[in-house]
Amino acid sequence: MEEGIGAPPQALMDAMDGYIGEQAAKGVFLDGGGLYGTEDAVNFLVRKGETSRVDGPYAESKEVVGGWAIMQYDTVEEAVAGQQEFAELHAKYWPDCSMVATLRQISDAPPEAADA
């Protein structure tokens, strides 16, 4: 979502509480939370075998991750429908917010080596 647009309205927070409660009761919502802005973030850059701490926020950054949730669905179709429902809560209760709600699967296996 956009950085610096302020706190979400209470109506969205109340709707999210209800949504999360329903999903938790069904065993779908496993964990989640909101994230503060990037102004206090600590960043490390790994490049060519070297690690360095870098300062932020960055002027070119216009969007940030505002929160996260770990959900467990039986099918991809259910996950997509749940993600759409989550996004629609934002459209309804915070219409001034521009955001992308991204659905990604958690990997159960380590990735293959890049040089394999």
PDB file of N, CA and C in Angstrom:
ATOM      1  N   MET A   1       0.830  -1.169   0.000  1.00  0.00           N
ATOM      2  CA  MET A   1       0.000   0.000   0.000  1.00  0.00           C
ATOM      3  C   MET A   1       0.876   1.233   0.000  1.00  0.00           C
ATOM      4  N   GLU A   2       0.269   2.365  -0.198  1.00  0.00           N
ATOM      5  CA  GLU A   2       1.019   3.610  -0.243  1.00  0.00           C
ATOM      6  C   GLU A   2       1.568   3.958   1.141  1.00  0.00           C
ATOM      7  N   GLU A   3       2.784   4.437   1.168  1.00  0.00           N
ATOM      8  CA  GLU A   3       3.419   4.860   2.419  1.00  0.00           C
ATOM      9  C   GLU A   3       2.891   6.236   2.801  1.00  0.00           C
ATOM     10  N   GLY A   4       2.692   6.458   4.084  1.00  0.00           N
ATOM     11  CA  GLY A   4       2.362   7.774   4.585  1.00  0.00           C
ATOM     12  C   GLY A   4       0.928   8.220   4.379  1.00  0.00           C
ATOM     13  N   ILE A   5      -0.007   7.297   4.164  1.00  0.00           N
ATOM     14  CA  ILE A   5      -1.396   7.719   3.966  1.00  0.00           C
ATOM     15  C   ILE A   5      -2.169   7.757   5.272  1.00  0.00           C
ATOM     16  N   GLY A   6      -1.498   7.479   6.365  1.00  0.00           N
ATOM     17  CA  GLY A   6      -2.150   7.547   7.660  1.00  0.00           C
ATOM     18  C   GLY A   6      -2.682   6.200   8.112  1.00  0.00           C
ATOM     19  N   ALA A   7      -3.239   6.239   9.308  1.00  0.00           N
ATOM     20  CA  ALA A   7      -3.780   5.024   9.905  1.00  0.00           C
ATOM     21  C   ALA A   7      -5.085   4.634   9.223  1.00  0.00           C
ATOM     22  N   PRO A   8      -5.357   3.349   9.155  1.00  0.00           N
ATOM     23  CA  PRO A   8      -6.628   2.901   8.584  1.00  0.00           C
ATOM     24  C   PRO A   8      -7.795   3.402   9.435  1.00  0.00           C
ATOM     25  N   PRO A   9      -8.947   3.619   8.829  1.00  0.00           N
ATOM     26  CA  PRO A   9     -10.111   4.043   9.599  1.00  0.00           C
ATOM     27  C   PRO A   9     -10.562   2.941  10.565  1.00  0.00           C
ATOM     28  N   GLN A  10     -11.181   3.349  11.643  1.00  0.00           N
ATOM     29  CA  GLN A  10     -11.655   2.389  12.645  1.00  0.00           C
ATOM     30  C   GLN A  10     -12.639   1.390  12.046  1.00  0.00           C
ATOM     31  N   ALA A  11     -13.433   1.828  11.085  1.00  0.00           N
ATOM     32  CA  ALA A  11     -14.388   0.914  10.448  1.00  0.00           C
ATOM     33  C   ALA A  11     -13.671  -0.270   9.791  1.00  0.00           C
ATOM     34  N   LEU A  12     -12.525  -0.017   9.156  1.00  0.00           N
ATOM     35  CA  LEU A  12     -11.759  -1.108   8.554  1.00  0.00           C
ATOM     36  C   LEU A  12     -11.189  -2.006   9.643  1.00  0.00           C
ATOM     37  N   MET A  13     -10.652  -1.412  10.688  1.00  0.00           N
ATOM     38  CA  MET A  13     -10.083  -2.214  11.771  1.00  0.00           C
ATOM     39  C   MET A  13     -11.156  -3.130  12.389  1.00  0.00           C
ATOM     40  N   ASP A  14     -12.352  -2.595  12.578  1.00  0.00           N
ATOM     41  CA  ASP A  14     -13.453  -3.395  13.127  1.00  0.00           C
ATOM     42  C   ASP A  14     -13.839  -4.515  12.162  1.00  0.00           C
ATOM     43  N   ALA A  15     -13.918  -4.201  10.869  1.00  0.00           N
ATOM     44  CA  ALA A  15     -14.253  -5.209   9.866  1.00  0.00           C
ATOM     45  C   ALA A  15     -13.179  -6.291   9.808  1.00  0.00           C
ATOM     46  N   MET A  16     -11.916  -5.881   9.891  1.00  0.00           N
ATOM     47  CA  MET A  16     -10.812  -6.855   9.869  1.00  0.00           C
ATOM     48  C   MET A  16     -10.853  -7.746  11.100  1.00  0.00           C
ATOM     49  N   ASP A  17     -11.165  -7.169  12.263  1.00  0.00           N
ATOM     50  CA  ASP A  17     -11.288  -7.988  13.479  1.00  0.00           C
ATOM     51  C   ASP A  17     -12.342  -9.072  13.288  1.00  0.00           C
ATOM     52  N   GLY A  18     -13.490  -8.700  12.721  1.00  0.00           N
ATOM     53  CA  GLY A  18     -14.541  -9.677  12.471  1.00  0.00           C
ATOM     54  C   GLY A  18     -14.120 -10.733  11.470  1.00  0.00           C
ATOM     55  N   TYR A  19     -13.481 -10.283  10.383  1.00  0.00           N
ATOM     56  CA  TYR A  19     -13.021 -11.202   9.342  1.00  0.00           C
ATOM     57  C   TYR A  19     -11.988 -12.180   9.903  1.00  0.00           C
ATOM     58  N   ILE A  20     -11.018 -11.661  10.616  1.00  0.00           N
ATOM     59  CA  ILE A  20      -9.970 -12.520  11.181  1.00  0.00           C
ATOM     60  C   ILE A  20     -10.566 -13.487  12.199  1.00  0.00           C
ATOM     61  N   GLY A  21     -11.503 -13.020  13.015  1.00  0.00           N
ATOM     62  CA  GLY A  21     -12.160 -13.901  13.980  1.00  0.00           C
ATOM     63  C   GLY A  21     -12.894 -15.047  13.300  1.00  0.00           C
ATOM     64  N   GLU A  22     -13.606 -14.731  12.216  1.00  0.00           N
ATOM     65  CA  GLU A  22     -14.317 -15.768  11.463  1.00  0.00           C
ATOM     66  C   GLU A  22     -13.338 -16.766  10.857  1.00  0.00           C
ATOM     67  N   GLN A  23     -12.271 -16.256  10.260  1.00  0.00           N
ATOM     68  CA  GLN A  23     -11.293 -17.133   9.615  1.00  0.00           C
ATOM     69  C   GLN A  23     -10.563 -17.994  10.649  1.00  0.00           C
ATOM     70  N   ALA A  24     -10.272 -17.424  11.817  1.00  0.00           N
ATOM     71  CA  ALA A  24      -9.608 -18.193  12.879  1.00  0.00           C
ATOM     72  C   ALA A  24     -10.534 -19.295  13.389  1.00  0.00           C
ATOM     73  N   ALA A  25     -11.813 -18.985  13.551  1.00  0.00           N
ATOM     74  CA  ALA A  25     -12.776 -19.980  14.017  1.00  0.00           C
ATOM     75  C   ALA A  25     -12.889 -21.152  13.046  1.00  0.00           C
ATOM     76  N   LYS A  26     -12.705 -20.890  11.751  1.00  0.00           N
ATOM     77  CA  LYS A  26     -12.754 -21.946  10.729  1.00  0.00           C
ATOM     78  C   LYS A  26     -11.415 -22.675  10.605  1.00  0.00           C
ATOM     79  N   GLY A  27     -10.382 -22.194  11.323  1.00  0.00           N
ATOM     80  CA  GLY A  27      -9.061 -22.814  11.238  1.00  0.00           C
ATOM     81  C   GLY A  27      -8.264 -22.353  10.039  1.00  0.00           C
ATOM     82  N   VAL A  28      -8.699 -21.276   9.371  1.00  0.00           N
ATOM     83  CA  VAL A  28      -8.019 -20.777   8.179  1.00  0.00           C
ATOM     84  C   VAL A  28      -6.928 -19.781   8.549  1.00  0.00           C
ATOM     85  N   PHE A  29      -7.246 -18.818   9.423  1.00  0.00           N
ATOM     86  CA  PHE A  29      -6.261 -17.807   9.831  1.00  0.00           C
ATOM     87  C   PHE A  29      -5.337 -18.426  10.867  1.00  0.00           C
ATOM     88  N   LEU A  30      -4.042 -18.477  10.567  1.00  0.00           N
ATOM     89  CA  LEU A  30      -3.058 -19.059  11.474  1.00  0.00           C
ATOM     90  C   LEU A  30      -2.264 -18.005  12.236  1.00  0.00           C
ATOM     91  N   ASP A  31      -1.914 -16.902  11.560  1.00  0.00           N
ATOM     92  CA  ASP A  31      -1.125 -15.850  12.202  1.00  0.00           C
ATOM     93  C   ASP A  31      -1.119 -14.636  11.285  1.00  0.00           C
ATOM     94  N   GLY A  32      -0.839 -13.484  11.833  1.00  0.00           N
ATOM     95  CA  GLY A  32      -0.766 -12.285  11.012  1.00  0.00           C
ATOM     96  C   GLY A  32      -0.589 -11.048  11.858  1.00  0.00           C
ATOM     97  N   GLY A  33      -0.421  -9.922  11.198  1.00  0.00           N
ATOM     98  CA  GLY A  33      -0.275  -8.670  11.911  1.00  0.00           C
ATOM     99  C   GLY A  33       0.017  -7.522  10.975  1.00  0.00           C
ATOM    100  N   GLY A  34      -0.055  -6.329  11.512  1.00  0.00           N
ATOM    101  CA  GLY A  34       0.273  -5.129  10.760  1.00  0.00           C
ATOM    102  C   GLY A  34       1.739  -4.780  10.931  1.00  0.00           C
ATOM    103  N   LEU A  35       2.235  -3.947  10.059  1.00  0.00           N
ATOM    104  CA  LEU A  35       3.629  -3.512  10.122  1.00  0.00           C
ATOM    105  C   LEU A  35       3.683  -1.994  10.184  1.00  0.00           C
ATOM    106  N   TYR A  36       4.627  -1.474  10.944  1.00  0.00           N
ATOM    107  CA  TYR A  36       4.850  -0.035  10.975  1.00  0.00           C
ATOM    108  C   TYR A  36       5.456   0.415   9.652  1.00  0.00           C
ATOM    109  N   GLY A  37       5.532   1.704   9.445  1.00  0.00           N
ATOM    110  CA  GLY A  37       6.130   2.258   8.235  1.00  0.00           C
ATOM    111  C   GLY A  37       7.620   1.979   8.157  1.00  0.00           C
ATOM    112  N   THR A  38       8.227   2.378   7.065  1.00  0.00           N
ATOM    113  CA  THR A  38       9.638   2.067   6.821  1.00  0.00           C
ATOM    114  C   THR A  38      10.606   3.038   7.479  1.00  0.00           C
ATOM    115  N   GLU A  39      10.101   4.111   8.096  1.00  0.00           N
ATOM    116  CA  GLU A  39      11.003   5.126   8.643  1.00  0.00           C
ATOM    117  C   GLU A  39      11.959   4.573   9.708  1.00  0.00           C
ATOM    118  N   ASP A  40      11.578   3.518  10.391  1.00  0.00           N
ATOM    119  CA  ASP A  40      12.447   2.925  11.416  1.00  0.00           C
ATOM    120  C   ASP A  40      12.976   1.552  11.020  1.00  0.00           C
ATOM    121  N   ALA A  41      12.786   1.181   9.763  1.00  0.00           N
ATOM    122  CA  ALA A  41      13.229  -0.135   9.317  1.00  0.00           C
ATOM    123  C   ALA A  41      14.751  -0.221   9.292  1.00  0.00           C
ATOM    124  N   VAL A  42      15.263  -1.409   9.528  1.00  0.00           N
ATOM    125  CA  VAL A  42      16.694  -1.681   9.432  1.00  0.00           C
ATOM    126  C   VAL A  42      16.878  -2.606   8.235  1.00  0.00           C
ATOM    127  N   ASN A  43      17.730  -2.194   7.311  1.00  0.00           N
ATOM    128  CA  ASN A  43      17.918  -2.920   6.061  1.00  0.00           C
ATOM    129  C   ASN A  43      19.360  -3.374   5.906  1.00  0.00           C
ATOM    130  N   PHE A  44      19.523  -4.588   5.406  1.00  0.00           N
ATOM    131  CA  PHE A  44      20.842  -5.102   5.079  1.00  0.00           C
ATOM    132  C   PHE A  44      20.855  -5.467   3.600  1.00  0.00           C
ATOM    133  N   LEU A  45      21.904  -5.095   2.937  1.00  0.00           N
ATOM    134  CA  LEU A  45      22.079  -5.363   1.519  1.00  0.00           C
ATOM    135  C   LEU A  45      23.157  -6.431   1.362  1.00  0.00           C
ATOM    136  N   VAL A  46      22.854  -7.468   0.614  1.00  0.00           N
ATOM    137  CA  VAL A  46      23.835  -8.507   0.309  1.00  0.00           C
ATOM    138  C   VAL A  46      24.141  -8.391  -1.177  1.00  0.00           C
ATOM    139  N   ARG A  47      25.403  -8.148  -1.473  1.00  0.00           N
ATOM    140  CA  ARG A  47      25.810  -7.990  -2.863  1.00  0.00           C
ATOM    141  C   ARG A  47      27.228  -8.533  -3.019  1.00  0.00           C
ATOM    142  N   LYS A  48      27.377  -9.464  -3.935  1.00  0.00           N
ATOM    143  CA  LYS A  48      28.684 -10.034  -4.276  1.00  0.00           C
ATOM    144  C   LYS A  48      29.435 -10.531  -3.049  1.00  0.00           C
ATOM    145  N   GLY A  49      28.744 -11.271  -2.200  1.00  0.00           N
ATOM    146  CA  GLY A  49      29.384 -11.876  -1.042  1.00  0.00           C
ATOM    147  C   GLY A  49      29.630 -10.937   0.121  1.00  0.00           C
ATOM    148  N   GLU A  50      29.186  -9.715   0.044  1.00  0.00           N
ATOM    149  CA  GLU A  50      29.376  -8.729   1.114  1.00  0.00           C
ATOM    150  C   GLU A  50      28.019  -8.316   1.678  1.00  0.00           C
ATOM    151  N   THR A  51      27.989  -8.100   2.976  1.00  0.00           N
ATOM    152  CA  THR A  51      26.778  -7.636   3.649  1.00  0.00           C
ATOM    153  C   THR A  51      27.032  -6.257   4.219  1.00  0.00           C
ATOM    154  N   SER A  52      26.109  -5.331   3.978  1.00  0.00           N
ATOM    155  CA  SER A  52      26.248  -3.995   4.554  1.00  0.00           C
ATOM    156  C   SER A  52      24.875  -3.490   4.990  1.00  0.00           C
ATOM    157  N   ARG A  53      24.900  -2.703   6.051  1.00  0.00           N
ATOM    158  CA  ARG A  53      23.664  -2.084   6.528  1.00  0.00           C
ATOM    159  C   ARG A  53      23.463  -0.797   5.734  1.00  0.00           C
ATOM    160  N   VAL A  54      22.250  -0.607   5.251  1.00  0.00           N
ATOM    161  CA  VAL A  54      21.944   0.578   4.453  1.00  0.00           C
ATOM    162  C   VAL A  54      20.816   1.354   5.115  1.00  0.00           C
ATOM    163  N   ASP A  55      20.835   2.645   4.921  1.00  0.00           N
ATOM    164  CA  ASP A  55      19.816   3.509   5.504  1.00  0.00           C
ATOM    165  C   ASP A  55      18.605   3.586   4.593  1.00  0.00           C
ATOM    166  N   GLY A  56      17.480   3.845   5.158  1.00  0.00           N
ATOM    167  CA  GLY A  56      16.239   4.055   4.434  1.00  0.00           C
ATOM    168  C   GLY A  56      15.444   5.078   5.202  1.00  0.00           C
ATOM    169  N   PRO A  57      14.257   5.427   4.859  1.00  0.00           N
ATOM    170  CA  PRO A  57      13.549   4.931   3.686  1.00  0.00           C
ATOM    171  C   PRO A  57      14.127   5.493   2.399  1.00  0.00           C
ATOM    172  N   TYR A  58      13.669   4.982   1.307  1.00  0.00           N
ATOM    173  CA  TYR A  58      14.220   5.348   0.016  1.00  0.00           C
ATOM    174  C   TYR A  58      13.214   6.190  -0.749  1.00  0.00           C
ATOM    175  N   ALA A  59      13.684   7.242  -1.340  1.00  0.00           N
ATOM    176  CA  ALA A  59      12.809   8.167  -2.063  1.00  0.00           C
ATOM    177  C   ALA A  59      12.047   7.472  -3.188  1.00  0.00           C
ATOM    178  N   GLU A  60      12.673   6.460  -3.807  1.00  0.00           N
ATOM    179  CA  GLU A  60      12.015   5.794  -4.922  1.00  0.00           C
ATOM    180  C   GLU A  60      10.911   4.829  -4.470  1.00  0.00           C
ATOM    181  N   SER A  61      10.857   4.517  -3.173  1.00  0.00           N
ATOM    182  CA  SER A  61       9.825   3.614  -2.673  1.00  0.00           C
ATOM    183  C   SER A  61       8.516   4.354  -2.517  1.00  0.00           C
ATOM    184  N   LYS A  62       7.499   3.852  -3.173  1.00  0.00           N
ATOM    185  CA  LYS A  62       6.187   4.472  -3.079  1.00  0.00           C
ATOM    186  C   LYS A  62       5.192   3.567  -2.367  1.00  0.00           C
ATOM    187  N   GLU A  63       5.502   2.277  -2.307  1.00  0.00           N
ATOM    188  CA  GLU A  63       4.613   1.320  -1.669  1.00  0.00           C
ATOM    189  C   GLU A  63       5.388   0.487  -0.662  1.00  0.00           C
ATOM    190  N   VAL A  64       4.697   0.065   0.379  1.00  0.00           N
ATOM    191  CA  VAL A  64       5.301  -0.766   1.413  1.00  0.00           C
ATOM    192  C   VAL A  64       4.346  -1.898   1.776  1.00  0.00           C
ATOM    193  N   VAL A  65       4.873  -2.914   2.394  1.00  0.00           N
ATOM    194  CA  VAL A  65       4.039  -3.985   2.934  1.00  0.00           C
ATOM    195  C   VAL A  65       3.425  -3.458   4.227  1.00  0.00           C
ATOM    196  N   GLY A  66       2.107  -3.428   4.293  1.00  0.00           N
ATOM    197  CA  GLY A  66       1.421  -2.886   5.455  1.00  0.00           C
ATOM    198  C   GLY A  66       1.065  -3.943   6.487  1.00  0.00           C
ATOM    199  N   GLY A  67       1.053  -5.189   6.100  1.00  0.00           N
ATOM    200  CA  GLY A  67       0.722  -6.261   7.026  1.00  0.00           C
ATOM    201  C   GLY A  67       0.870  -7.607   6.344  1.00  0.00           C
ATOM    202  N   TRP A  68       0.614  -8.647   7.097  1.00  0.00           N
ATOM    203  CA  TRP A  68       0.780 -10.000   6.573  1.00  0.00           C
ATOM    204  C   TRP A  68      -0.179 -10.934   7.301  1.00  0.00           C
ATOM    205  N   ALA A  69      -0.476 -12.041   6.673  1.00  0.00           N
ATOM    206  CA  ALA A  69      -1.305 -13.075   7.290  1.00  0.00           C
ATOM    207  C   ALA A  69      -0.889 -14.423   6.739  1.00  0.00           C
ATOM    208  N   ILE A  70      -0.898 -15.406   7.603  1.00  0.00           N
ATOM    209  CA  ILE A  70      -0.671 -16.789   7.187  1.00  0.00           C
ATOM    210  C   ILE A  70      -2.020 -17.494   7.286  1.00  0.00           C
ATOM    211  N   MET A  71      -2.485 -17.932   6.137  1.00  0.00           N
ATOM    212  CA  MET A  71      -3.788 -18.575   6.034  1.00  0.00           C
ATOM    213  C   MET A  71      -3.581 -19.978   5.474  1.00  0.00           C
ATOM    214  N   GLN A  72      -4.465 -20.885   5.836  1.00  0.00           N
ATOM    215  CA  GLN A  72      -4.374 -22.252   5.321  1.00  0.00           C
ATOM    216  C   GLN A  72      -5.708 -22.629   4.707  1.00  0.00           C
ATOM    217  N   TYR A  73      -5.686 -22.884   3.413  1.00  0.00           N
ATOM    218  CA  TYR A  73      -6.889 -23.262   2.676  1.00  0.00           C
ATOM    219  C   TYR A  73      -6.705 -24.663   2.115  1.00  0.00           C
ATOM    220  N   ASP A  74      -7.815 -25.302   1.800  1.00  0.00           N
ATOM    221  CA  ASP A  74      -7.762 -26.640   1.218  1.00  0.00           C
ATOM    222  C   ASP A  74      -7.482 -26.617  -0.273  1.00  0.00           C
ATOM    223  N   THR A  75      -7.893 -25.525  -0.954  1.00  0.00           N
ATOM    224  CA  THR A  75      -7.694 -25.449  -2.401  1.00  0.00           C
ATOM    225  C   THR A  75      -7.207 -24.049  -2.785  1.00  0.00           C
ATOM    226  N   VAL A  76      -6.612 -23.955  -3.952  1.00  0.00           N
ATOM    227  CA  VAL A  76      -6.180 -22.659  -4.476  1.00  0.00           C
ATOM    228  C   VAL A  76      -7.395 -21.768  -4.697  1.00  0.00           C
ATOM    229  N   GLU A  77      -8.473 -22.346  -5.166  1.00  0.00           N
ATOM    230  CA  GLU A  77      -9.686 -21.565  -5.413  1.00  0.00           C
ATOM    231  C   GLU A  77     -10.189 -20.914  -4.131  1.00  0.00           C
ATOM    232  N   GLU A  78     -10.168 -21.650  -3.016  1.00  0.00           N
ATOM    233  CA  GLU A  78     -10.577 -21.084  -1.729  1.00  0.00           C
ATOM    234  C   GLU A  78      -9.630 -19.967  -1.304  1.00  0.00           C
ATOM    235  N   ALA A  79      -8.342 -20.139  -1.545  1.00  0.00           N
ATOM    236  CA  ALA A  79      -7.360 -19.113  -1.194  1.00  0.00           C
ATOM    237  C   ALA A  79      -7.593 -17.836  -2.001  1.00  0.00           C
ATOM    238  N   VAL A  80      -7.861 -17.986  -3.285  1.00  0.00           N
ATOM    239  CA  VAL A  80      -8.122 -16.826  -4.146  1.00  0.00           C
ATOM    240  C   VAL A  80      -9.392 -16.111  -3.681  1.00  0.00           C
ATOM    241  N   ALA A  81     -10.433 -16.864  -3.371  1.00  0.00           N
ATOM    242  CA  ALA A  81     -11.682 -16.258  -2.900  1.00  0.00           C
ATOM    243  C   ALA A  81     -11.466 -15.535  -1.572  1.00  0.00           C
ATOM    244  N   GLY A  82     -10.686 -16.122  -0.677  1.00  0.00           N
ATOM    245  CA  GLY A  82     -10.387 -15.479   0.601  1.00  0.00           C
ATOM    246  C   GLY A  82      -9.592 -14.205   0.417  1.00  0.00           C
ATOM    247  N   GLN A  83      -8.648 -14.211  -0.501  1.00  0.00           N
ATOM    248  CA  GLN A  83      -7.844 -13.023  -0.776  1.00  0.00           C
ATOM    249  C   GLN A  83      -8.694 -11.912  -1.366  1.00  0.00           C
ATOM    250  N   GLN A  84      -9.623 -12.271  -2.236  1.00  0.00           N
ATOM    251  CA  GLN A  84     -10.517 -11.269  -2.814  1.00  0.00           C
ATOM    252  C   GLN A  84     -11.402 -10.663  -1.722  1.00  0.00           C
ATOM    253  N   GLU A  85     -11.909 -11.493  -0.827  1.00  0.00           N
ATOM    254  CA  GLU A  85     -12.734 -10.998   0.277  1.00  0.00           C
ATOM    255  C   GLU A  85     -11.945 -10.021   1.147  1.00  0.00           C
ATOM    256  N   PHE A  86     -10.685 -10.351   1.424  1.00  0.00           N
ATOM    257  CA  PHE A  86      -9.804  -9.473   2.196  1.00  0.00           C
ATOM    258  C   PHE A  86      -9.619  -8.135   1.486  1.00  0.00           C
ATOM    259  N   ALA A  87      -9.342  -8.168   0.190  1.00  0.00           N
ATOM    260  CA  ALA A  87      -9.148  -6.932  -0.573  1.00  0.00           C
ATOM    261  C   ALA A  87     -10.424  -6.101  -0.596  1.00  0.00           C
ATOM    262  N   GLU A  88     -11.566  -6.763  -0.731  1.00  0.00           N
ATOM    263  CA  GLU A  88     -12.838  -6.047  -0.783  1.00  0.00           C
ATOM    264  C   GLU A  88     -13.164  -5.343   0.532  1.00  0.00           C
ATOM    265  N   LEU A  89     -12.694  -5.871   1.660  1.00  0.00           N
ATOM    266  CA  LEU A  89     -12.866  -5.168   2.937  1.00  0.00           C
ATOM    267  C   LEU A  89     -12.188  -3.801   2.883  1.00  0.00           C
ATOM    268  N   HIS A  90     -11.008  -3.755   2.297  1.00  0.00           N
ATOM    269  CA  HIS A  90     -10.287  -2.483   2.171  1.00  0.00           C
ATOM    270  C   HIS A  90     -11.023  -1.528   1.232  1.00  0.00           C
ATOM    271  N   ALA A  91     -11.521  -2.049   0.116  1.00  0.00           N
ATOM    272  CA  ALA A  91     -12.247  -1.198  -0.832  1.00  0.00           C
ATOM    273  C   ALA A  91     -13.497  -0.608  -0.181  1.00  0.00           C
ATOM    274  N   LYS A  92     -14.176  -1.389   0.621  1.00  0.00           N
ATOM    275  CA  LYS A  92     -15.417  -0.937   1.249  1.00  0.00           C
ATOM    276  C   LYS A  92     -15.165   0.028   2.406  1.00  0.00           C
ATOM    277  N   TYR A  93     -14.215  -0.301   3.287  1.00  0.00           N
ATOM    278  CA  TYR A  93     -14.041   0.462   4.524  1.00  0.00           C
ATOM    279  C   TYR A  93     -12.922   1.494   4.481  1.00  0.00           C
ATOM    280  N   TRP A  94     -12.099   1.480   3.432  1.00  0.00           N
ATOM    281  CA  TRP A  94     -11.026   2.467   3.274  1.00  0.00           C
ATOM    282  C   TRP A  94     -10.900   2.800   1.790  1.00  0.00           C
ATOM    283  N   PRO A  95     -11.922   3.398   1.190  1.00  0.00           N
ATOM    284  CA  PRO A  95     -11.929   3.612  -0.257  1.00  0.00           C
ATOM    285  C   PRO A  95     -10.827   4.536  -0.756  1.00  0.00           C
ATOM    286  N   ASP A  96     -10.237   5.349   0.104  1.00  0.00           N
ATOM    287  CA  ASP A  96      -9.145   6.237  -0.322  1.00  0.00           C
ATOM    288  C   ASP A  96      -7.804   5.516  -0.400  1.00  0.00           C
ATOM    289  N   CYS A  97      -7.753   4.291   0.079  1.00  0.00           N
ATOM    290  CA  CYS A  97      -6.507   3.517   0.092  1.00  0.00           C
ATOM    291  C   CYS A  97      -6.292   2.859  -1.268  1.00  0.00           C
ATOM    292  N   SER A  98      -5.066   2.937  -1.764  1.00  0.00           N
ATOM    293  CA  SER A  98      -4.661   2.173  -2.945  1.00  0.00           C
ATOM    294  C   SER A  98      -3.736   1.076  -2.459  1.00  0.00           C
ATOM    295  N   MET A  99      -4.042  -0.158  -2.779  1.00  0.00           N
ATOM    296  CA  MET A  99      -3.234  -1.271  -2.279  1.00  0.00           C
ATOM    297  C   MET A  99      -3.265  -2.438  -3.237  1.00  0.00           C
ATOM    298  N   VAL A 100      -2.307  -3.314  -3.067  1.00  0.00           N
ATOM    299  CA  VAL A 100      -2.267  -4.594  -3.763  1.00  0.00           C
ATOM    300  C   VAL A 100      -2.276  -5.666  -2.692  1.00  0.00           C
ATOM    301  N   ALA A 101      -3.207  -6.580  -2.768  1.00  0.00           N
ATOM    302  CA  ALA A 101      -3.258  -7.710  -1.846  1.00  0.00           C
ATOM    303  C   ALA A 101      -2.669  -8.910  -2.587  1.00  0.00           C
ATOM    304  N   THR A 102      -1.504  -9.342  -2.155  1.00  0.00           N
ATOM    305  CA  THR A 102      -0.764 -10.394  -2.846  1.00  0.00           C
ATOM    306  C   THR A 102      -0.949 -11.733  -2.141  1.00  0.00           C
ATOM    307  N   LEU A 103      -1.264 -12.750  -2.901  1.00  0.00           N
ATOM    308  CA  LEU A 103      -1.414 -14.109  -2.395  1.00  0.00           C
ATOM    309  C   LEU A 103      -0.208 -14.913  -2.852  1.00  0.00           C
ATOM    310  N   ARG A 104       0.503 -15.489  -1.892  1.00  0.00           N
ATOM    311  CA  ARG A 104       1.657 -16.334  -2.223  1.00  0.00           C
ATOM    312  C   ARG A 104       1.609 -17.592  -1.384  1.00  0.00           C
ATOM    313  N   GLN A 105       2.086 -18.665  -1.958  1.00  0.00           N
ATOM    314  CA  GLN A 105       2.130 -19.939  -1.264  1.00  0.00           C
ATOM    315  C   GLN A 105       3.424 -20.048  -0.470  1.00  0.00           C
ATOM    316  N   ILE A 106       3.349 -20.619   0.731  1.00  0.00           N
ATOM    317  CA  ILE A 106       4.537 -20.862   1.545  1.00  0.00           C
ATOM    318  C   ILE A 106       5.182 -22.155   1.064  1.00  0.00           C
ATOM    319  N   SER A 107       6.473 -22.102   0.830  1.00  0.00           N
ATOM    320  CA  SER A 107       7.205 -23.268   0.350  1.00  0.00           C
ATOM    321  C   SER A 107       7.428 -24.257   1.485  1.00  0.00           C
ATOM    322  N   ASP A 108       7.206 -25.528   1.198  1.00  0.00           N
ATOM    323  CA  ASP A 108       7.459 -26.579   2.168  1.00  0.00           C
ATOM    324  C   ASP A 108       8.839 -27.204   2.001  1.00  0.00           C
ATOM    325  N   ALA A 109       9.526 -26.852   0.924  1.00  0.00           N
ATOM    326  CA  ALA A 109      10.831 -27.434   0.637  1.00  0.00           C
ATOM    327  C   ALA A 109      11.831 -26.337   0.356  1.00  0.00           C
ATOM    328  N   PRO A 110      13.091 -26.577   0.654  1.00  0.00           N
ATOM    329  CA  PRO A 110      14.105 -25.567   0.342  1.00  0.00           C
ATOM    330  C   PRO A 110      14.234 -25.391  -1.176  1.00  0.00           C
ATOM    331  N   PRO A 111      14.543 -24.186  -1.611  1.00  0.00           N
ATOM    332  CA  PRO A 111      14.724 -23.983  -3.059  1.00  0.00           C
ATOM    333  C   PRO A 111      15.948 -24.737  -3.558  1.00  0.00           C
ATOM    334  N   GLU A 112      15.924 -25.069  -4.834  1.00  0.00           N
ATOM    335  CA  GLU A 112      17.089 -25.712  -5.432  1.00  0.00           C
ATOM    336  C   GLU A 112      18.208 -24.704  -5.553  1.00  0.00           C
ATOM    337  N   ALA A 113      19.421 -25.168  -5.448  1.00  0.00           N
ATOM    338  CA  ALA A 113      20.588 -24.280  -5.559  1.00  0.00           C
ATOM    339  C   ALA A 113      20.594 -23.608  -6.923  1.00  0.00           C
ATOM    340  N   ALA A 114      21.012 -22.333  -6.952  1.00  0.00           N
ATOM    341  CA  ALA A 114      21.025 -21.567  -8.188  1.00  0.00           C
ATOM    342  C   ALA A 114      21.949 -22.177  -9.234  1.00  0.00           C
ATOM    343  N   ASP A 115      23.001 -22.855  -8.808  1.00  0.00           N
ATOM    344  CA  ASP A 115      23.955 -23.427  -9.767  1.00  0.00           C
ATOM    345  C   ASP A 115      23.692 -24.913 -10.032  1.00  0.00           C
ATOM    346  N   ALA A 116      22.538 -25.407  -9.612  1.00  0.00           N
ATOM    347  CA  ALA A 116      22.237 -26.837  -9.810  1.00  0.00           C
ATOM    348  C   ALA A 116      21.759 -27.093 -11.216  1.00  0.00           C
TER     349      ALA A 116
END
